[in-house]
Amino acid sequence: MKRMKIVVSALLLLCFVFSFALPHGSVKGASYTISISFGFTPNSNAVVVDGFNRTVSPKPILKGATLYVPIRFVVEAAGGDVGWNGKTKTISLKINDTNVSLTLASSSITINGSTNQTISAPILDKGTTFVAIKDIVSMFSGNSTGDYSFTIPKQLIKVFDETGRQVYVPKKINRIVSLYPMTTTLLFPFKMQDKLVGAAKGKVVDYSKVFPKISEIPDASSYTSPNVETIISLKPDIIIAPYTTPLSQLQSVNLPVLLFNMETTQGLLKSIQFLGAILGKTQEATDILVYLNSKLNYIKSQTQFLQNKKSVYFALSSMTKTAGSTLIQNEMIARAGGISVTAQLPGGKVNVSLEQVIKWNPDYIILAPYCSDTVESVLQNPALQSVTAVKNKHVYMMPQFIGSYDLPEPEVVLGIMWLSNKLYPDKVNFDLRSEAKEFYQKVFDYTLTDADLTAIFGK
């Protein structure tokens, strides 16, 4: 039943996200048009598509100085449609609002109902139709970029991002730019990290173990101050970023920016579902959501009716810097079955005094891994000796691996599991080492080593 609910949710989201209306002239910005690039080699199966090495079969055919390439491969790679009428020997091609009809062994071509152009006659060889590169460029208003290389527009579809903004994106996505480390993590459940052509760099997360190639990917700038020139140079199909991204400059050149709201666990799960729909990975999204929700639902079943729930104080960068009501740490505590003593504080990161912490008298104190205070320094702080968490030595540092387990990315679910184990060891029975192995295999396609587990959870 739970799996069915997730499947239905995915289908409903697809209906909400996608509208297959064709884009018109307003879709293309003055400075940026979404296109697909091809680089063929005569008499070779090797082809470069959007900067990535691919294979094409059968091989292109070189006749004199003219290279003929499989037209179905080209149009379908761009997300377009190809039709074939065996009786009339006619091929129909469609990308966006360009409809092309051509006939084998004929130099006549019809574009959007008008027969006013001539081309080199298409070739039929072993059941495959070949069309000259120069004619493909002409019929789809593309650009020749070399003897055997060219670009043409991609088929675009209209979607609505998590903020309700209407955005046109390619039907087939090959090149992704991420302006936020947390949105980058969303690509891993879909094994789409290899599509990254630019990513925000920083010390918040470390992908080096699960994605060593991250060091080779250009810095795309940050969502807080996006560099339009840099982003355009990366030729993205989509740009993924948080909902707080300033959009004025990005929108002025019509860059395809999709905004995500991940600052709650529910928002994170919705983001996974949404991105899966955009990337054509709805089944993978459903599988991950079923898995993650099974962990969260188990915790809820074990803790929701507890009478004496534990109170928790979460320290961010220091003992006196905590999470206000808008940050995910408060929801983490609630989902783990606890009560956050800072849940009513307005805003995001909030400064408080040690006197206030003493007044709250939390049962547990959790330190973020990036906290300047340590478990030992908190336990030995003379001012905190009356606090229940200190007296009972219930002061812990949140684990981390790719990122800290309290950040708005998939590892936050492991953070909730870890915290529920700490708060209610008699009620919640996760074998965290085993759970972590399963998690990283499913979500990041990475096998944890014993050394990794020690780094995360200690000996």
Protein backbone atom coordinates (compact mmCIF):
# COMPACT_ATOMS: atom_id res chain seq x y z
CA MET A 1 0.00 0.00 0.00
CA LYS A 2 2.81 2.43 0.88
CA ARG A 3 4.52 1.68 -2.42
CA MET A 4 1.28 2.29 -4.25
CA LYS A 5 0.92 5.69 -2.59
CA ILE A 6 4.40 6.67 -3.72
CA VAL A 7 3.70 5.53 -7.28
CA VAL A 8 0.46 7.52 -7.37
CA SER A 9 2.31 10.55 -5.98
CA ALA A 10 4.90 10.25 -8.74
CA LEU A 11 2.21 10.11 -11.40
CA LEU A 12 0.45 13.14 -9.98
CA LEU A 13 3.72 15.05 -9.91
CA LEU A 14 4.36 14.19 -13.55
CA CYS A 15 0.98 15.65 -14.46
CA PHE A 16 1.84 18.80 -12.49
CA VAL A 17 5.42 19.19 -13.70
CA PHE A 18 5.06 18.60 -17.40
CA SER A 19 3.07 20.36 -20.05
CA PHE A 20 4.12 19.34 -23.54
CA ALA A 21 3.19 22.65 -25.15
CA LEU A 22 5.56 23.71 -27.88
CA PRO A 23 7.81 26.68 -27.19
CA HIS A 24 7.50 29.79 -29.33
CA GLY A 25 9.89 32.64 -30.10
CA SER A 26 9.88 33.95 -26.55
CA VAL A 27 11.56 30.76 -25.36
CA LYS A 28 14.89 31.66 -26.88
CA GLY A 29 16.74 34.36 -24.99
CA ALA A 30 18.85 36.91 -26.82
CA SER A 31 22.01 35.50 -25.27
CA TYR A 32 21.29 31.80 -24.80
CA THR A 33 19.63 29.12 -26.89
CA ILE A 34 19.54 25.49 -25.83
CA SER A 35 21.07 23.37 -28.59
CA ILE A 36 22.71 20.00 -29.07
CA SER A 37 26.16 19.61 -30.62
CA PHE A 38 27.44 16.78 -32.79
CA GLY A 39 30.94 15.96 -33.94
CA PHE A 40 31.07 13.08 -36.44
CA THR A 41 34.04 11.30 -38.00
CA PRO A 42 33.74 9.92 -41.56
CA ASN A 43 33.40 6.14 -41.74
CA SER A 44 33.60 5.84 -37.94
CA ASN A 45 31.15 4.84 -35.22
CA ALA A 46 32.66 7.47 -32.91
CA VAL A 47 30.65 10.65 -32.38
CA VAL A 48 30.79 13.41 -29.79
CA VAL A 49 27.34 14.51 -28.61
CA ASP A 50 27.12 17.55 -26.34
CA GLY A 51 30.78 17.06 -25.45
CA PHE A 52 30.40 13.40 -24.49
CA ASN A 53 31.81 10.44 -26.45
CA ARG A 54 29.09 8.26 -27.96
CA THR A 55 28.77 5.67 -30.71
CA VAL A 56 26.56 5.79 -33.79
CA SER A 57 25.51 2.83 -35.90
CA PRO A 58 25.68 2.51 -38.82
CA LYS A 59 28.68 4.68 -39.63
CA PRO A 60 28.31 8.01 -41.47
CA ILE A 61 28.86 7.90 -45.22
CA LEU A 62 31.30 10.24 -46.97
CA LYS A 63 30.47 11.04 -50.60
CA GLY A 64 33.03 13.42 -52.03
CA ALA A 65 33.24 16.30 -49.52
CA THR A 66 29.74 15.70 -48.15
CA LEU A 67 29.15 13.66 -44.99
CA TYR A 68 25.81 11.91 -44.64
CA VAL A 69 24.75 10.88 -41.10
CA PRO A 70 21.89 8.74 -39.75
CA ILE A 71 19.03 11.24 -39.44
CA ARG A 72 17.10 9.25 -36.84
CA PHE A 73 20.11 9.25 -34.53
CA VAL A 74 20.47 13.04 -34.82
CA VAL A 75 16.82 14.00 -34.41
CA GLU A 76 16.09 11.58 -31.58
CA ALA A 77 19.26 12.66 -29.76
CA ALA A 78 17.84 16.19 -29.89
CA GLY A 79 14.60 14.90 -28.40
CA GLY A 80 12.67 15.22 -31.67
CA ASP A 81 10.38 12.80 -33.46
CA VAL A 82 11.05 10.73 -36.59
CA GLY A 83 8.39 9.06 -38.74
CA TRP A 84 8.57 6.82 -41.80
CA ASN A 85 5.98 6.14 -44.49
CA GLY A 86 7.03 3.01 -46.33
CA LYS A 87 4.51 3.47 -49.15
CA THR A 88 5.63 6.96 -50.13
CA LYS A 89 9.25 6.55 -48.98
CA THR A 90 8.77 9.72 -46.96
CA ILE A 91 10.57 10.64 -43.72
CA SER A 92 8.93 13.09 -41.30
CA LEU A 93 11.06 14.97 -38.78
CA LYS A 94 9.92 17.25 -35.98
CA ILE A 95 11.82 19.39 -33.49
CA ASN A 96 9.79 22.02 -31.63
CA ASP A 97 7.70 23.91 -34.22
CA THR A 98 9.80 22.79 -37.20
CA ASN A 99 8.15 20.02 -39.24
CA VAL A 100 10.20 18.55 -42.09
CA SER A 101 9.16 16.08 -44.76
CA LEU A 102 11.68 14.61 -47.18
CA THR A 103 11.60 11.75 -49.64
CA LEU A 104 14.26 9.20 -50.47
CA ALA A 105 16.19 9.87 -53.70
CA SER A 106 14.52 13.30 -53.96
CA SER A 107 16.10 16.70 -53.56
CA SER A 108 12.75 18.30 -52.68
CA ILE A 109 12.03 19.10 -49.03
CA THR A 110 8.94 20.44 -47.28
CA ILE A 111 9.30 22.56 -44.13
CA ASN A 112 6.16 23.50 -42.22
CA GLY A 113 4.05 22.81 -45.29
CA SER A 114 6.13 24.84 -47.70
CA THR A 115 8.06 23.03 -50.44
CA ASN A 116 10.61 25.66 -51.37
CA GLN A 117 13.99 24.17 -50.63
CA THR A 118 16.25 21.62 -52.27
CA ILE A 119 18.77 19.36 -50.59
CA SER A 120 21.16 16.58 -51.44
CA ALA A 121 18.95 13.54 -51.88
CA PRO A 122 18.81 11.37 -48.72
CA ILE A 123 20.47 7.96 -48.92
CA LEU A 124 18.92 4.69 -47.79
CA ASP A 125 21.54 2.12 -46.81
CA LYS A 126 20.76 -1.15 -45.01
CA GLY A 127 17.48 0.18 -43.71
CA THR A 128 18.92 3.46 -42.40
CA THR A 129 18.27 6.92 -43.87
CA PHE A 130 21.28 9.21 -44.16
CA VAL A 131 21.03 12.98 -44.64
CA ALA A 132 23.85 15.42 -45.41
CA ILE A 133 25.03 17.45 -42.43
CA LYS A 134 24.69 20.72 -44.36
CA ASP A 135 21.02 19.95 -45.00
CA ILE A 136 20.30 19.05 -41.36
CA VAL A 137 21.78 22.40 -40.34
CA SER A 138 19.66 24.21 -42.92
CA MET A 139 16.35 22.52 -42.18
CA PHE A 140 16.56 23.07 -38.41
CA SER A 141 18.23 26.52 -38.46
CA GLY A 142 21.36 25.15 -36.84
CA ASN A 143 25.00 26.12 -37.13
CA SER A 144 27.96 24.46 -38.78
CA THR A 145 30.91 24.43 -36.38
CA GLY A 146 33.40 22.45 -38.44
CA ASP A 147 33.75 20.13 -41.42
CA TYR A 148 31.75 17.39 -39.72
CA SER A 149 30.38 19.12 -36.63
CA PHE A 150 27.25 21.19 -36.06
CA THR A 151 24.56 22.26 -33.64
CA ILE A 152 20.77 22.25 -33.91
CA PRO A 153 18.07 23.25 -31.38
CA LYS A 154 16.86 20.74 -28.85
CA GLN A 155 13.25 19.72 -28.42
CA LEU A 156 11.97 21.75 -25.48
CA ILE A 157 9.15 21.01 -23.06
CA LYS A 158 7.44 23.28 -20.58
CA VAL A 159 7.77 22.42 -16.89
CA PHE A 160 6.96 24.12 -13.61
CA ASP A 161 9.66 24.10 -10.95
CA GLU A 162 9.06 23.82 -7.21
CA THR A 163 8.31 27.52 -6.90
CA GLY A 164 5.69 27.34 -9.66
CA ARG A 165 7.86 29.11 -12.25
CA GLN A 166 7.35 28.09 -15.87
CA VAL A 167 10.60 26.98 -17.48
CA TYR A 168 11.40 25.44 -20.87
CA VAL A 169 13.92 22.61 -20.66
CA PRO A 170 15.15 20.00 -23.16
CA LYS A 171 13.23 16.77 -23.45
CA LYS A 172 16.60 15.01 -23.29
CA ILE A 173 19.07 16.43 -20.79
CA ASN A 174 22.81 15.91 -21.29
CA ARG A 175 24.47 18.88 -19.59
CA ILE A 176 23.69 19.99 -16.03
CA VAL A 177 25.04 22.89 -14.00
CA SER A 178 24.46 22.93 -10.24
CA LEU A 179 24.86 26.18 -8.31
CA TYR A 180 24.43 24.59 -4.86
CA PRO A 181 26.24 21.60 -3.35
CA MET A 182 22.95 20.27 -1.97
CA THR A 183 21.26 20.21 -5.37
CA THR A 184 24.32 18.41 -6.75
CA THR A 185 23.65 15.51 -4.36
CA LEU A 186 20.20 15.05 -5.93
CA LEU A 187 21.82 13.74 -9.12
CA PHE A 188 23.35 10.68 -7.48
CA PRO A 189 20.19 8.60 -6.94
CA PHE A 190 19.68 8.81 -10.70
CA LYS A 191 23.33 8.12 -11.60
CA MET A 192 23.32 11.44 -13.46
CA GLN A 193 26.39 12.99 -11.82
CA ASP A 194 28.35 12.29 -15.01
CA LYS A 195 26.09 14.85 -16.72
CA LEU A 196 27.54 17.61 -14.54
CA VAL A 197 29.44 20.15 -16.62
CA GLY A 198 29.69 22.74 -13.85
CA ALA A 199 29.17 22.73 -10.11
CA ALA A 200 29.43 25.07 -7.16
CA LYS A 201 32.62 24.33 -5.26
CA GLY A 202 33.17 24.73 -1.55
CA LYS A 203 33.95 23.00 1.73
CA VAL A 204 30.36 22.21 2.70
CA VAL A 205 30.37 18.79 1.05
CA ASP A 206 33.10 16.47 -0.20
CA TYR A 207 32.20 14.26 -3.16
CA SER A 208 35.73 12.97 -3.69
CA LYS A 209 34.97 9.45 -2.44
CA VAL A 210 31.68 8.87 -4.23
CA PHE A 211 32.52 10.94 -7.33
CA PRO A 212 36.28 11.40 -7.87
CA LYS A 213 35.65 13.23 -11.17
CA ILE A 214 34.25 16.21 -9.28
CA SER A 215 37.77 17.66 -9.18
CA GLU A 216 37.74 17.88 -13.00
CA ILE A 217 34.41 19.70 -13.22
CA PRO A 218 34.62 23.49 -13.64
CA ASP A 219 33.46 25.81 -10.89
CA ALA A 220 30.10 27.14 -12.03
CA SER A 221 29.92 29.91 -9.40
CA SER A 222 27.48 29.92 -6.49
CA TYR A 223 23.74 30.46 -6.33
CA THR A 224 24.32 33.46 -4.06
CA SER A 225 26.13 35.35 -6.85
CA PRO A 226 25.76 33.41 -10.11
CA ASN A 227 28.21 34.33 -12.86
CA VAL A 228 26.14 34.45 -16.04
CA GLU A 229 29.12 34.45 -18.42
CA THR A 230 30.61 31.39 -16.74
CA ILE A 231 27.32 29.54 -16.80
CA ILE A 232 26.66 30.31 -20.47
CA SER A 233 30.15 29.07 -21.36
CA LEU A 234 29.25 25.67 -19.86
CA LYS A 235 26.30 25.31 -22.29
CA PRO A 236 23.89 23.79 -19.78
CA ASP A 237 20.59 22.12 -20.62
CA ILE A 238 19.38 22.89 -17.10
CA ILE A 239 20.69 24.75 -14.07
CA ILE A 240 19.64 23.44 -10.66
CA ALA A 241 19.71 25.77 -7.67
CA PRO A 242 17.90 26.56 -4.40
CA TYR A 243 14.76 28.67 -4.32
CA THR A 244 16.67 31.60 -2.76
CA THR A 245 18.79 32.09 -5.91
CA PRO A 246 18.66 35.68 -7.27
CA LEU A 247 17.23 35.26 -10.76
CA SER A 248 17.30 38.66 -12.44
CA GLN A 249 20.53 38.22 -14.40
CA LEU A 250 19.91 34.55 -15.16
CA GLN A 251 16.42 35.27 -16.46
CA SER A 252 17.58 38.26 -18.50
CA VAL A 253 19.39 35.85 -20.86
CA ASN A 254 16.76 33.13 -20.53
CA LEU A 255 18.93 30.52 -18.85
CA PRO A 256 16.89 27.40 -17.91
CA VAL A 257 17.03 27.59 -14.10
CA LEU A 258 15.07 25.12 -11.97
CA LEU A 259 14.61 26.08 -8.32
CA PHE A 260 14.37 23.58 -5.46
CA ASN A 261 13.17 23.97 -1.87
CA MET A 262 15.11 21.44 0.19
CA GLU A 263 15.09 23.09 3.61
CA THR A 264 12.69 20.49 5.01
CA THR A 265 12.82 16.71 4.80
CA GLN A 266 9.53 16.74 2.94
CA GLY A 267 10.95 19.36 0.59
CA LEU A 268 14.00 17.19 0.00
CA LEU A 269 11.85 14.17 -0.86
CA LYS A 270 9.73 16.29 -3.17
CA SER A 271 12.90 17.58 -4.85
CA ILE A 272 14.04 14.03 -5.53
CA GLN A 273 10.66 13.24 -7.05
CA PHE A 274 10.62 16.43 -9.12
CA LEU A 275 14.15 16.02 -10.49
CA GLY A 276 13.44 12.38 -11.32
CA ALA A 277 10.50 13.52 -13.44
CA ILE A 278 12.61 16.16 -15.21
CA LEU A 279 15.40 13.69 -15.95
CA GLY A 280 13.07 10.92 -17.13
CA LYS A 281 13.96 8.83 -14.09
CA THR A 282 10.56 8.45 -12.44
CA GLN A 283 11.03 4.79 -11.52
CA GLU A 284 14.38 5.49 -9.89
CA ALA A 285 12.81 8.38 -7.96
CA THR A 286 9.98 6.12 -6.80
CA ASP A 287 12.41 3.42 -5.65
CA ILE A 288 14.49 5.90 -3.64
CA LEU A 289 11.42 7.52 -2.09
CA VAL A 290 10.02 4.13 -1.04
CA TYR A 291 13.35 3.30 0.58
CA LEU A 292 13.82 6.63 2.40
CA ASN A 293 10.21 6.80 3.54
CA SER A 294 10.41 3.28 4.94
CA LYS A 295 13.13 4.47 7.35
CA LEU A 296 11.26 7.63 8.34
CA ASN A 297 7.99 5.73 8.78
CA TYR A 298 9.66 3.15 11.02
CA ILE A 299 10.97 5.89 13.31
CA LYS A 300 7.54 7.50 13.41
CA SER A 301 5.88 4.21 14.31
CA GLN A 302 8.26 3.75 17.23
CA THR A 303 8.22 7.29 18.62
CA GLN A 304 5.02 9.17 17.77
CA PHE A 305 3.05 8.07 20.84
CA LEU A 306 5.85 8.39 23.43
CA GLN A 307 4.73 10.35 26.49
CA ASN A 308 8.05 11.76 27.64
CA LYS A 309 9.82 12.93 24.53
CA LYS A 310 13.42 14.05 24.82
CA SER A 311 14.30 17.71 24.40
CA VAL A 312 17.22 18.56 22.12
CA TYR A 313 19.44 21.58 21.55
CA PHE A 314 21.29 21.67 18.23
CA ALA A 315 24.48 23.74 18.01
CA LEU A 316 25.60 24.83 14.54
CA SER A 317 28.95 26.59 14.06
CA SER A 318 29.33 27.21 17.81
CA MET A 319 27.58 26.37 21.05
CA THR A 320 25.73 29.68 20.91
CA LYS A 321 24.72 29.50 17.23
CA THR A 322 21.60 27.44 16.70
CA ALA A 323 18.85 26.67 14.20
CA GLY A 324 15.75 28.81 14.03
CA SER A 325 12.38 27.54 12.89
CA THR A 326 13.15 27.75 9.15
CA LEU A 327 16.15 25.40 9.21
CA ILE A 328 16.00 21.66 8.67
CA GLN A 329 17.65 20.77 12.00
CA ASN A 330 14.40 21.43 13.88
CA GLU A 331 12.47 19.07 11.63
CA MET A 332 15.22 16.47 11.99
CA ILE A 333 14.74 16.50 15.73
CA ALA A 334 10.96 16.21 15.40
CA ARG A 335 11.21 13.34 12.91
CA ALA A 336 13.62 11.56 15.26
CA GLY A 337 10.91 11.76 17.94
CA GLY A 338 12.43 14.60 19.92
CA ILE A 339 11.43 18.15 20.79
CA SER A 340 13.67 20.96 19.59
CA VAL A 341 14.05 23.63 22.24
CA THR A 342 14.68 26.18 19.47
CA ALA A 343 11.71 25.28 17.28
CA GLN A 344 9.92 28.54 18.10
CA LEU A 345 12.86 30.81 17.35
CA PRO A 346 12.13 32.85 14.21
CA GLY A 347 14.51 32.83 11.26
CA GLY A 348 17.44 30.66 10.20
CA LYS A 349 20.75 30.73 12.05
CA VAL A 350 20.20 32.35 15.44
CA ASN A 351 22.61 33.54 18.13
CA VAL A 352 21.67 32.63 21.70
CA SER A 353 23.42 32.91 25.05
CA LEU A 354 24.65 30.07 27.24
CA GLU A 355 22.22 31.38 29.85
CA GLN A 356 19.37 30.65 27.45
CA VAL A 357 20.67 27.13 26.81
CA ILE A 358 20.80 26.58 30.58
CA LYS A 359 17.23 27.85 30.89
CA TRP A 360 16.06 25.45 28.18
CA ASN A 361 17.86 22.61 30.02
CA PRO A 362 17.82 20.15 27.09
CA ASP A 363 18.04 16.39 27.60
CA TYR A 364 20.43 16.14 24.67
CA ILE A 365 22.91 18.49 23.02
CA ILE A 366 23.91 17.77 19.41
CA LEU A 367 26.88 19.49 17.83
CA ALA A 368 27.25 19.85 14.08
CA PRO A 369 30.58 18.48 12.76
CA TYR A 370 31.48 22.03 11.74
CA CYS A 371 30.91 23.32 15.29
CA SER A 372 33.89 25.09 16.84
CA ASP A 373 33.03 23.52 20.20
CA THR A 374 33.71 19.86 20.86
CA VAL A 375 31.88 17.26 22.90
CA GLU A 376 34.65 17.42 25.48
CA SER A 377 34.64 21.21 25.74
CA VAL A 378 30.87 21.24 26.26
CA LEU A 379 31.02 18.51 28.90
CA GLN A 380 33.78 20.37 30.74
CA ASN A 381 32.27 23.85 30.48
CA PRO A 382 31.70 25.00 34.09
CA ALA A 383 28.70 27.12 33.04
CA LEU A 384 26.84 24.10 31.69
CA GLN A 385 27.23 21.63 34.52
CA SER A 386 23.61 22.01 35.63
CA VAL A 387 22.23 21.13 32.17
CA THR A 388 20.64 17.67 32.03
CA ALA A 389 22.42 16.75 28.79
CA VAL A 390 25.80 17.55 30.34
CA LYS A 391 25.06 15.80 33.62
CA ASN A 392 24.03 12.63 31.78
CA LYS A 393 26.81 12.95 29.19
CA HIS A 394 24.25 13.10 26.40
CA VAL A 395 26.33 15.43 24.25
CA TYR A 396 27.11 14.11 20.78
CA MET A 397 28.57 15.27 17.50
CA MET A 398 26.49 14.62 14.38
CA PRO A 399 28.25 12.26 11.92
CA GLN A 400 29.34 13.30 8.45
CA PHE A 401 30.62 11.69 5.27
CA ILE A 402 29.85 13.49 2.01
CA GLY A 403 28.36 16.26 4.09
CA SER A 404 27.23 16.74 7.64
CA TYR A 405 24.17 14.63 8.39
CA ASP A 406 22.19 17.75 9.32
CA LEU A 407 22.39 19.38 5.89
CA PRO A 408 19.45 19.48 3.44
CA GLU A 409 20.59 16.61 1.22
CA PRO A 410 19.83 12.86 1.21
CA GLU A 411 22.22 12.07 4.10
CA VAL A 412 19.84 13.96 6.40
CA VAL A 413 17.75 10.78 6.53
CA LEU A 414 20.76 8.95 7.99
CA GLY A 415 21.08 11.85 10.44
CA ILE A 416 17.49 11.35 11.58
CA MET A 417 18.10 7.62 11.95
CA TRP A 418 21.27 8.25 13.98
CA LEU A 419 19.54 10.79 16.21
CA SER A 420 16.53 8.57 16.88
CA ASN A 421 18.92 5.81 17.95
CA LYS A 422 20.55 8.21 20.40
CA LEU A 423 17.29 9.52 21.83
CA TYR A 424 15.43 6.22 22.11
CA PRO A 425 17.83 3.27 22.03
CA ASP A 426 15.17 1.02 23.58
CA LYS A 427 12.60 1.90 20.93
CA VAL A 428 14.57 2.40 17.71
CA ASN A 429 16.84 -0.44 16.69
CA PHE A 430 18.84 0.62 13.68
CA ASP A 431 22.13 -1.17 13.07
CA LEU A 432 23.63 2.06 11.76
CA ARG A 433 26.71 0.54 10.17
CA SER A 434 24.61 -1.90 8.20
CA GLU A 435 22.05 0.80 7.40
CA ALA A 436 24.76 3.18 6.21
CA LYS A 437 26.17 0.55 3.85
CA GLU A 438 22.74 0.04 2.34
CA PHE A 439 22.07 3.78 2.14
CA TYR A 440 25.25 4.73 0.29
CA GLN A 441 24.87 1.79 -2.08
CA LYS A 442 21.29 2.71 -2.95
CA VAL A 443 21.56 6.50 -3.00
CA PHE A 444 25.15 7.16 -4.07
CA ASP A 445 26.06 3.85 -5.74
CA TYR A 446 29.04 3.68 -3.40
CA THR A 447 30.29 0.80 -1.27
CA LEU A 448 31.42 1.95 2.17
CA THR A 449 34.69 0.52 3.42
CA ASP A 450 35.41 -0.34 7.05
CA ALA A 451 37.59 2.76 7.16
CA ASP A 452 34.65 4.84 5.94
CA LEU A 453 32.40 3.43 8.64
CA THR A 454 34.99 4.20 11.29
CA ALA A 455 35.30 7.75 10.00
CA ILE A 456 31.54 8.17 10.19
CA PHE A 457 30.64 6.43 13.43
CA GLY A 458 33.94 5.92 15.23
CA LYS A 459 35.33 2.60 16.41
